[in-house]
Amino acid sequence: MKVFHMIVDVDRCLHCGGCVGSCPVNAIFLNDFILEFSDRCNRCGRCVKLCPVQALSLEAGA
């Protein structure tokens, strides 16, 4: 079974907060420097689709 991890491209992220508001389980937190994802994140991908600068992605891991 593949496990997916959220990846944030910090050079692209505008800290606009759109992803935070789009999260159905309130798992994304915006601080001064980086987005953080809590363990509530279910990797639905809504934030990835919503990001206007494609700063978010899901990466398959082991």
C-alpha atoms as a PDB file:
ATOM      1  CA  MET A   1       0.000   0.000   0.000  1.00  0.00           C
ATOM      2  CA  LYS A   2       1.400   3.365  -1.029  1.00  0.00           C
ATOM      3  CA  VAL A   3       1.534   6.186   1.467  1.00  0.00           C
ATOM      4  CA  PHE A   4       1.226   9.714   0.119  1.00  0.00           C
ATOM      5  CA  HIS A   5       2.905  12.756   1.639  1.00  0.00           C
ATOM      6  CA  MET A   6       2.083  16.409   1.103  1.00  0.00           C
ATOM      7  CA  ILE A   7       4.925  18.379  -0.479  1.00  0.00           C
ATOM      8  CA  VAL A   8       5.097  22.180  -0.337  1.00  0.00           C
ATOM      9  CA  ASP A   9       7.289  24.083  -2.794  1.00  0.00           C
ATOM     10  CA  VAL A  10       8.293  26.935  -0.475  1.00  0.00           C
ATOM     11  CA  ASP A  11       9.660  28.963  -3.385  1.00  0.00           C
ATOM     12  CA  ARG A  12       6.259  28.976  -5.104  1.00  0.00           C
ATOM     13  CA  CYS A  13       3.932  29.230  -2.094  1.00  0.00           C
ATOM     14  CA  LEU A  14       2.370  32.696  -1.820  1.00  0.00           C
ATOM     15  CA  HIS A  15       0.958  32.113   1.692  1.00  0.00           C
ATOM     16  CA  CYS A  16      -2.433  33.102   0.287  1.00  0.00           C
ATOM     17  CA  GLY A  17      -4.268  30.746   2.660  1.00  0.00           C
ATOM     18  CA  GLY A  18      -6.588  29.321   0.029  1.00  0.00           C
ATOM     19  CA  CYS A  19      -5.540  25.794   0.857  1.00  0.00           C
ATOM     20  CA  VAL A  20      -6.243  26.339   4.550  1.00  0.00           C
ATOM     21  CA  GLY A  21      -9.841  27.330   3.847  1.00  0.00           C
ATOM     22  CA  SER A  22     -10.337  24.511   1.357  1.00  0.00           C
ATOM     23  CA  CYS A  23      -9.368  21.696   3.724  1.00  0.00           C
ATOM     24  CA  PRO A  24     -12.464  19.686   4.711  1.00  0.00           C
ATOM     25  CA  VAL A  25     -10.792  18.347   7.880  1.00  0.00           C
ATOM     26  CA  ASN A  26      -8.976  21.554   8.976  1.00  0.00           C
ATOM     27  CA  ALA A  27      -5.585  19.879   8.731  1.00  0.00           C
ATOM     28  CA  ILE A  28      -3.566  22.736   7.172  1.00  0.00           C
ATOM     29  CA  PHE A  29      -1.997  25.489   9.230  1.00  0.00           C
ATOM     30  CA  LEU A  30      -0.328  28.585   7.842  1.00  0.00           C
ATOM     31  CA  ASN A  31       2.464  30.052   9.917  1.00  0.00           C
ATOM     32  CA  ASP A  32       4.995  32.755   9.097  1.00  0.00           C
ATOM     33  CA  PHE A  33       7.364  30.489   7.199  1.00  0.00           C
ATOM     34  CA  ILE A  34       5.732  27.286   5.964  1.00  0.00           C
ATOM     35  CA  LEU A  35       2.490  25.382   5.636  1.00  0.00           C
ATOM     36  CA  GLU A  36       2.041  22.581   8.127  1.00  0.00           C
ATOM     37  CA  PHE A  37      -0.202  19.553   7.738  1.00  0.00           C
ATOM     38  CA  SER A  38      -1.546  17.774  10.811  1.00  0.00           C
ATOM     39  CA  ASP A  39      -2.100  14.043  11.067  1.00  0.00           C
ATOM     40  CA  ARG A  40      -5.783  14.704  10.290  1.00  0.00           C
ATOM     41  CA  CYS A  41      -4.826  15.258   6.634  1.00  0.00           C
ATOM     42  CA  ASN A  42      -6.520  12.530   4.583  1.00  0.00           C
ATOM     43  CA  ARG A  43      -4.637  13.411   1.355  1.00  0.00           C
ATOM     44  CA  CYS A  44      -7.851  14.217  -0.510  1.00  0.00           C
ATOM     45  CA  GLY A  45      -5.950  16.550  -2.860  1.00  0.00           C
ATOM     46  CA  ARG A  46      -8.417  19.426  -2.676  1.00  0.00           C
ATOM     47  CA  CYS A  47      -5.675  21.866  -1.678  1.00  0.00           C
ATOM     48  CA  VAL A  48      -3.425  20.622  -4.487  1.00  0.00           C
ATOM     49  CA  LYS A  49      -6.126  21.341  -7.067  1.00  0.00           C
ATOM     50  CA  LEU A  50      -6.964  24.728  -5.566  1.00  0.00           C
ATOM     51  CA  CYS A  51      -3.427  26.162  -5.310  1.00  0.00           C
ATOM     52  CA  PRO A  52      -3.104  28.967  -7.898  1.00  0.00           C
ATOM     53  CA  VAL A  53       0.672  28.539  -8.253  1.00  0.00           C
ATOM     54  CA  GLN A  54       0.912  24.728  -8.044  1.00  0.00           C
ATOM     55  CA  ALA A  55       2.967  24.898  -4.836  1.00  0.00           C
ATOM     56  CA  LEU A  56       1.381  21.752  -3.378  1.00  0.00           C
ATOM     57  CA  SER A  57       1.701  18.164  -4.505  1.00  0.00           C
ATOM     58  CA  LEU A  58       1.161  14.633  -3.273  1.00  0.00           C
ATOM     59  CA  GLU A  59       4.186  12.361  -3.434  1.00  0.00           C
ATOM     60  CA  ALA A  60       4.019   8.600  -3.120  1.00  0.00           C
ATOM     61  CA  GLY A  61       6.384   7.116  -0.586  1.00  0.00           C
ATOM     62  CA  ALA A  62       7.146   3.743   0.878  1.00  0.00           C
END
